[in-house]
Amino acid sequence: MAKKLRIISKTDGFRRCGIAHPAEATHYDLDRFSEAEIKALKDEPNLIIDEVDVKDVKEKPADKGESDKK
């Protein structure tokens, strides 16, 4: 079963790894971030990070990145 990285920001719009993280749960494919970025995200006290099974994900999947938005 595939896993997703779930990120919740304690402060809406807090930026890390080039992304403004919302206060609601956002899910990303594990390959969206490098190992160094995942470590930085997990080490960031303003973010709540965990890995969840795809079947547990009920929210809309996250965009590939802010640069894709226009």
PDB file of N, CA and C in Angstrom:
ATOM      1  N   MET A   1       0.839  -1.177   0.000  1.00  0.00           N
ATOM      2  CA  MET A   1       0.000   0.000   0.000  1.00  0.00           C
ATOM      3  C   MET A   1       0.889   1.247   0.000  1.00  0.00           C
ATOM      4  N   ALA A   2       0.534   2.201  -0.802  1.00  0.00           N
ATOM      5  CA  ALA A   2       1.326   3.424  -0.933  1.00  0.00           C
ATOM      6  C   ALA A   2       1.134   4.318   0.284  1.00  0.00           C
ATOM      7  N   LYS A   3       2.139   5.098   0.573  1.00  0.00           N
ATOM      8  CA  LYS A   3       2.109   6.040   1.692  1.00  0.00           C
ATOM      9  C   LYS A   3       2.110   7.460   1.146  1.00  0.00           C
ATOM     10  N   LYS A   4       1.589   8.375   1.943  1.00  0.00           N
ATOM     11  CA  LYS A   4       1.627   9.811   1.653  1.00  0.00           C
ATOM     12  C   LYS A   4       2.246  10.509   2.854  1.00  0.00           C
ATOM     13  N   LEU A   5       2.840  11.649   2.605  1.00  0.00           N
ATOM     14  CA  LEU A   5       3.361  12.489   3.670  1.00  0.00           C
ATOM     15  C   LEU A   5       2.282  13.520   3.985  1.00  0.00           C
ATOM     16  N   ARG A   6       1.787  13.518   5.231  1.00  0.00           N
ATOM     17  CA  ARG A   6       0.757  14.473   5.648  1.00  0.00           C
ATOM     18  C   ARG A   6       1.448  15.588   6.424  1.00  0.00           C
ATOM     19  N   ILE A   7       1.187  16.824   6.009  1.00  0.00           N
ATOM     20  CA  ILE A   7       1.799  17.991   6.650  1.00  0.00           C
ATOM     21  C   ILE A   7       0.692  18.929   7.114  1.00  0.00           C
ATOM     22  N   ILE A   8       0.791  19.336   8.379  1.00  0.00           N
ATOM     23  CA  ILE A   8      -0.115  20.321   8.963  1.00  0.00           C
ATOM     24  C   ILE A   8       0.758  21.417   9.575  1.00  0.00           C
ATOM     25  N   SER A   9       0.480  22.649   9.216  1.00  0.00           N
ATOM     26  CA  SER A   9       1.243  23.768   9.770  1.00  0.00           C
ATOM     27  C   SER A   9       0.545  24.300  11.011  1.00  0.00           C
ATOM     28  N   LYS A  10       1.321  24.588  12.046  1.00  0.00           N
ATOM     29  CA  LYS A  10       0.769  25.198  13.259  1.00  0.00           C
ATOM     30  C   LYS A  10       0.401  26.659  13.003  1.00  0.00           C
ATOM     31  N   THR A  11       1.040  27.251  11.998  1.00  0.00           N
ATOM     32  CA  THR A  11       0.754  28.625  11.585  1.00  0.00           C
ATOM     33  C   THR A  11       0.395  28.590  10.102  1.00  0.00           C
ATOM     34  N   ASP A  12      -0.851  28.939   9.779  1.00  0.00           N
ATOM     35  CA  ASP A  12      -1.303  28.888   8.389  1.00  0.00           C
ATOM     36  C   ASP A  12      -0.373  29.704   7.485  1.00  0.00           C
ATOM     37  N   GLY A  13       0.104  29.075   6.422  1.00  0.00           N
ATOM     38  CA  GLY A  13       0.969  29.753   5.458  1.00  0.00           C
ATOM     39  C   GLY A  13       2.447  29.698   5.790  1.00  0.00           C
ATOM     40  N   PHE A  14       2.824  29.006   6.868  1.00  0.00           N
ATOM     41  CA  PHE A  14       4.243  28.884   7.230  1.00  0.00           C
ATOM     42  C   PHE A  14       4.990  28.236   6.070  1.00  0.00           C
ATOM     43  N   ARG A  15       6.134  28.814   5.708  1.00  0.00           N
ATOM     44  CA  ARG A  15       6.887  28.334   4.542  1.00  0.00           C
ATOM     45  C   ARG A  15       8.091  27.496   4.954  1.00  0.00           C
ATOM     46  N   ARG A  16       8.235  26.368   4.267  1.00  0.00           N
ATOM     47  CA  ARG A  16       9.412  25.511   4.414  1.00  0.00           C
ATOM     48  C   ARG A  16       9.519  24.718   3.130  1.00  0.00           C
ATOM     49  N   CYS A  17      10.730  24.566   2.616  1.00  0.00           N
ATOM     50  CA  CYS A  17      11.007  23.813   1.381  1.00  0.00           C
ATOM     51  C   CYS A  17      10.273  24.406   0.179  1.00  0.00           C
ATOM     52  N   GLY A  18      10.130  25.738   0.170  1.00  0.00           N
ATOM     53  CA  GLY A  18       9.543  26.415  -0.972  1.00  0.00           C
ATOM     54  C   GLY A  18       8.032  26.322  -1.072  1.00  0.00           C
ATOM     55  N   ILE A  19       7.376  25.883   0.005  1.00  0.00           N
ATOM     56  CA  ILE A  19       5.928  25.714  -0.011  1.00  0.00           C
ATOM     57  C   ILE A  19       5.322  26.433   1.190  1.00  0.00           C
ATOM     58  N   ALA A  20       4.219  27.144   0.962  1.00  0.00           N
ATOM     59  CA  ALA A  20       3.436  27.720   2.063  1.00  0.00           C
ATOM     60  C   ALA A  20       2.485  26.627   2.537  1.00  0.00           C
ATOM     61  N   HIS A  21       2.685  26.150   3.754  1.00  0.00           N
ATOM     62  CA  HIS A  21       1.904  25.038   4.283  1.00  0.00           C
ATOM     63  C   HIS A  21       0.663  25.563   4.996  1.00  0.00           C
ATOM     64  N   PRO A  22      -0.517  25.050   4.635  1.00  0.00           N
ATOM     65  CA  PRO A  22      -1.749  25.493   5.293  1.00  0.00           C
ATOM     66  C   PRO A  22      -1.923  24.831   6.665  1.00  0.00           C
ATOM     67  N   ALA A  23      -2.852  25.366   7.430  1.00  0.00           N
ATOM     68  CA  ALA A  23      -3.140  24.811   8.755  1.00  0.00           C
ATOM     69  C   ALA A  23      -3.933  23.508   8.664  1.00  0.00           C
ATOM     70  N   GLU A  24      -4.570  23.251   7.518  1.00  0.00           N
ATOM     71  CA  GLU A  24      -5.273  21.980   7.366  1.00  0.00           C
ATOM     72  C   GLU A  24      -4.327  20.940   6.758  1.00  0.00           C
ATOM     73  N   ALA A  25      -4.643  19.685   6.989  1.00  0.00           N
ATOM     74  CA  ALA A  25      -3.796  18.596   6.501  1.00  0.00           C
ATOM     75  C   ALA A  25      -3.689  18.626   4.982  1.00  0.00           C
ATOM     76  N   THR A  26      -2.459  18.506   4.501  1.00  0.00           N
ATOM     77  CA  THR A  26      -2.175  18.433   3.079  1.00  0.00           C
ATOM     78  C   THR A  26      -1.323  17.191   2.856  1.00  0.00           C
ATOM     79  N   HIS A  27      -1.608  16.448   1.796  1.00  0.00           N
ATOM     80  CA  HIS A  27      -0.912  15.187   1.537  1.00  0.00           C
ATOM     81  C   HIS A  27      -0.060  15.286   0.273  1.00  0.00           C
ATOM     82  N   TYR A  28       1.127  14.721   0.366  1.00  0.00           N
ATOM     83  CA  TYR A  28       2.082  14.731  -0.742  1.00  0.00           C
ATOM     84  C   TYR A  28       2.605  13.320  -0.964  1.00  0.00           C
ATOM     85  N   ASP A  29       2.911  12.989  -2.210  1.00  0.00           N
ATOM     86  CA  ASP A  29       3.621  11.747  -2.498  1.00  0.00           C
ATOM     87  C   ASP A  29       4.984  11.824  -1.828  1.00  0.00           C
ATOM     88  N   LEU A  30       5.488  10.693  -1.358  1.00  0.00           N
ATOM     89  CA  LEU A  30       6.777  10.682  -0.667  1.00  0.00           C
ATOM     90  C   LEU A  30       7.914  11.145  -1.570  1.00  0.00           C
ATOM     91  N   ASP A  31       7.786  10.910  -2.873  1.00  0.00           N
ATOM     92  CA  ASP A  31       8.858  11.316  -3.778  1.00  0.00           C
ATOM     93  C   ASP A  31       8.775  12.798  -4.167  1.00  0.00           C
ATOM     94  N   ARG A  32       7.818  13.529  -3.604  1.00  0.00           N
ATOM     95  CA  ARG A  32       7.692  14.976  -3.874  1.00  0.00           C
ATOM     96  C   ARG A  32       8.878  15.744  -3.296  1.00  0.00           C
ATOM     97  N   PHE A  33       9.442  15.229  -2.188  1.00  0.00           N
ATOM     98  CA  PHE A  33      10.543  15.889  -1.497  1.00  0.00           C
ATOM     99  C   PHE A  33      11.777  14.993  -1.488  1.00  0.00           C
ATOM    100  N   SER A  34      12.946  15.614  -1.484  1.00  0.00           N
ATOM    101  CA  SER A  34      14.189  14.853  -1.342  1.00  0.00           C
ATOM    102  C   SER A  34      14.299  14.372   0.111  1.00  0.00           C
ATOM    103  N   GLU A  35      15.218  13.454   0.366  1.00  0.00           N
ATOM    104  CA  GLU A  35      15.442  12.982   1.740  1.00  0.00           C
ATOM    105  C   GLU A  35      15.847  14.139   2.654  1.00  0.00           C
ATOM    106  N   ALA A  36      16.673  15.054   2.147  1.00  0.00           N
ATOM    107  CA  ALA A  36      17.101  16.213   2.942  1.00  0.00           C
ATOM    108  C   ALA A  36      15.912  17.129   3.254  1.00  0.00           C
ATOM    109  N   GLU A  37      15.008  17.304   2.291  1.00  0.00           N
ATOM    110  CA  GLU A  37      13.828  18.133   2.532  1.00  0.00           C
ATOM    111  C   GLU A  37      12.890  17.479   3.547  1.00  0.00           C
ATOM    112  N   ILE A  38      12.714  16.170   3.457  1.00  0.00           N
ATOM    113  CA  ILE A  38      11.864  15.472   4.426  1.00  0.00           C
ATOM    114  C   ILE A  38      12.437  15.611   5.826  1.00  0.00           C
ATOM    115  N   LYS A  39      13.758  15.508   5.942  1.00  0.00           N
ATOM    116  CA  LYS A  39      14.396  15.697   7.255  1.00  0.00           C
ATOM    117  C   LYS A  39      14.152  17.115   7.761  1.00  0.00           C
ATOM    118  N   ALA A  40      14.313  18.115   6.897  1.00  0.00           N
ATOM    119  CA  ALA A  40      14.083  19.511   7.296  1.00  0.00           C
ATOM    120  C   ALA A  40      12.629  19.719   7.719  1.00  0.00           C
ATOM    121  N   LEU A  41      11.697  19.120   6.997  1.00  0.00           N
ATOM    122  CA  LEU A  41      10.284  19.232   7.351  1.00  0.00           C
ATOM    123  C   LEU A  41      10.008  18.580   8.706  1.00  0.00           C
ATOM    124  N   LYS A  42      10.543  17.389   8.910  1.00  0.00           N
ATOM    125  CA  LYS A  42      10.320  16.676  10.173  1.00  0.00           C
ATOM    126  C   LYS A  42      10.992  17.376  11.346  1.00  0.00           C
ATOM    127  N   ASP A  43      12.097  18.064  11.103  1.00  0.00           N
ATOM    128  CA  ASP A  43      12.817  18.781  12.163  1.00  0.00           C
ATOM    129  C   ASP A  43      12.193  20.133  12.493  1.00  0.00           C
ATOM    130  N   GLU A  44      11.270  20.596  11.663  1.00  0.00           N
ATOM    131  CA  GLU A  44      10.651  21.918  11.838  1.00  0.00           C
ATOM    132  C   GLU A  44       9.550  21.851  12.905  1.00  0.00           C
ATOM    133  N   PRO A  45       9.727  22.563  14.026  1.00  0.00           N
ATOM    134  CA  PRO A  45       8.717  22.503  15.099  1.00  0.00           C
ATOM    135  C   PRO A  45       7.376  23.152  14.742  1.00  0.00           C
ATOM    136  N   ASN A  46       7.323  23.969  13.703  1.00  0.00           N
ATOM    137  CA  ASN A  46       6.062  24.597  13.296  1.00  0.00           C
ATOM    138  C   ASN A  46       5.207  23.711  12.405  1.00  0.00           C
ATOM    139  N   LEU A  47       5.719  22.511  12.079  1.00  0.00           N
ATOM    140  CA  LEU A  47       4.980  21.589  11.218  1.00  0.00           C
ATOM    141  C   LEU A  47       4.737  20.269  11.935  1.00  0.00           C
ATOM    142  N   ILE A  48       3.594  19.688  11.662  1.00  0.00           N
ATOM    143  CA  ILE A  48       3.274  18.340  12.137  1.00  0.00           C
ATOM    144  C   ILE A  48       3.324  17.438  10.912  1.00  0.00           C
ATOM    145  N   ILE A  49       4.215  16.447  10.938  1.00  0.00           N
ATOM    146  CA  ILE A  49       4.477  15.592   9.774  1.00  0.00           C
ATOM    147  C   ILE A  49       4.274  14.136  10.174  1.00  0.00           C
ATOM    148  N   ASP A  50       3.584  13.381   9.325  1.00  0.00           N
ATOM    149  CA  ASP A  50       3.552  11.941   9.489  1.00  0.00           C
ATOM    150  C   ASP A  50       3.246  11.278   8.156  1.00  0.00           C
ATOM    151  N   GLU A  51       3.506   9.987   8.108  1.00  0.00           N
ATOM    152  CA  GLU A  51       3.222   9.209   6.899  1.00  0.00           C
ATOM    153  C   GLU A  51       1.923   8.461   7.132  1.00  0.00           C
ATOM    154  N   VAL A  52       1.046   8.492   6.138  1.00  0.00           N
ATOM    155  CA  VAL A  52      -0.254   7.827   6.246  1.00  0.00           C
ATOM    156  C   VAL A  52      -0.481   6.941   5.026  1.00  0.00           C
ATOM    157  N   ASP A  53      -1.267   5.890   5.207  1.00  0.00           N
ATOM    158  CA  ASP A  53      -1.648   5.036   4.089  1.00  0.00           C
ATOM    159  C   ASP A  53      -2.607   5.796   3.188  1.00  0.00           C
ATOM    160  N   VAL A  54      -2.538   5.524   1.893  1.00  0.00           N
ATOM    161  CA  VAL A  54      -3.401   6.196   0.928  1.00  0.00           C
ATOM    162  C   VAL A  54      -4.864   6.034   1.311  1.00  0.00           C
ATOM    163  N   LYS A  55      -5.266   4.857   1.796  1.00  0.00           N
ATOM    164  CA  LYS A  55      -6.666   4.636   2.140  1.00  0.00           C
ATOM    165  C   LYS A  55      -7.135   5.549   3.273  1.00  0.00           C
ATOM    166  N   ASP A  56      -6.203   6.094   4.064  1.00  0.00           N
ATOM    167  CA  ASP A  56      -6.543   6.992   5.164  1.00  0.00           C
ATOM    168  C   ASP A  56      -6.731   8.424   4.702  1.00  0.00           C
ATOM    169  N   VAL A  57      -6.320   8.743   3.487  1.00  0.00           N
ATOM    170  CA  VAL A  57      -6.370  10.116   2.983  1.00  0.00           C
ATOM    171  C   VAL A  57      -7.770  10.425   2.481  1.00  0.00           C
ATOM    172  N   LYS A  58      -8.395  11.453   3.073  1.00  0.00           N
ATOM    173  CA  LYS A  58      -9.729  11.844   2.662  1.00  0.00           C
ATOM    174  C   LYS A  58      -9.732  13.229   2.024  1.00  0.00           C
ATOM    175  N   GLU A  59      -8.713  14.038   2.301  1.00  0.00           N
ATOM    176  CA  GLU A  59      -8.633  15.372   1.722  1.00  0.00           C
ATOM    177  C   GLU A  59      -8.170  15.293   0.272  1.00  0.00           C
ATOM    178  N   LYS A  60      -8.403  16.374  -0.450  1.00  0.00           N
ATOM    179  CA  LYS A  60      -7.918  16.489  -1.823  1.00  0.00           C
ATOM    180  C   LYS A  60      -6.391  16.439  -1.814  1.00  0.00           C
ATOM    181  N   PRO A  61      -5.767  15.670  -2.708  1.00  0.00           N
ATOM    182  CA  PRO A  61      -4.296  15.619  -2.753  1.00  0.00           C
ATOM    183  C   PRO A  61      -3.705  16.997  -3.043  1.00  0.00           C
ATOM    184  N   ALA A  62      -2.520  17.225  -2.533  1.00  0.00           N
ATOM    185  CA  ALA A  62      -1.839  18.507  -2.732  1.00  0.00           C
ATOM    186  C   ALA A  62      -1.403  18.668  -4.177  1.00  0.00           C
ATOM    187  N   ASP A  63      -1.297  19.918  -4.613  1.00  0.00           N
ATOM    188  CA  ASP A  63      -0.736  20.213  -5.924  1.00  0.00           C
ATOM    189  C   ASP A  63       0.724  19.803  -5.919  1.00  0.00           C
ATOM    190  N   LYS A  64       1.285  19.633  -7.098  1.00  0.00           N
ATOM    191  CA  LYS A  64       2.693  19.256  -7.211  1.00  0.00           C
ATOM    192  C   LYS A  64       3.616  20.330  -6.658  1.00  0.00           C
ATOM    193  N   GLY A  65       3.194  21.559  -6.685  1.00  0.00           N
ATOM    194  CA  GLY A  65       4.017  22.651  -6.145  1.00  0.00           C
ATOM    195  C   GLY A  65       3.394  23.982  -6.474  1.00  0.00           C
ATOM    196  N   GLU A  66       3.770  24.971  -5.704  1.00  0.00           N
ATOM    197  CA  GLU A  66       3.210  26.299  -5.923  1.00  0.00           C
ATOM    198  C   GLU A  66       3.572  26.847  -7.290  1.00  0.00           C
ATOM    199  N   SER A  67       4.722  26.449  -7.820  1.00  0.00           N
ATOM    200  CA  SER A  67       5.139  26.973  -9.112  1.00  0.00           C
ATOM    201  C   SER A  67       4.190  26.547 -10.218  1.00  0.00           C
ATOM    202  N   ASP A  68       3.393  25.468  -9.971  1.00  0.00           N
ATOM    203  CA  ASP A  68       2.428  25.008 -10.969  1.00  0.00           C
ATOM    204  C   ASP A  68       1.190  25.905 -11.009  1.00  0.00           C
ATOM    205  N   LYS A  69       0.963  26.648  -9.919  1.00  0.00           N
ATOM    206  CA  LYS A  69      -0.213  27.524  -9.850  1.00  0.00           C
ATOM    207  C   LYS A  69       0.063  28.842 -10.531  1.00  0.00           C
ATOM    208  N   LYS A  70      -0.910  29.379 -11.214  1.00  0.00           N
ATOM    209  CA  LYS A  70      -0.728  30.660 -11.887  1.00  0.00           C
ATOM    210  C   LYS A  70      -1.879  31.566 -11.563  1.00  0.00           C
TER     211      LYS A  70
END
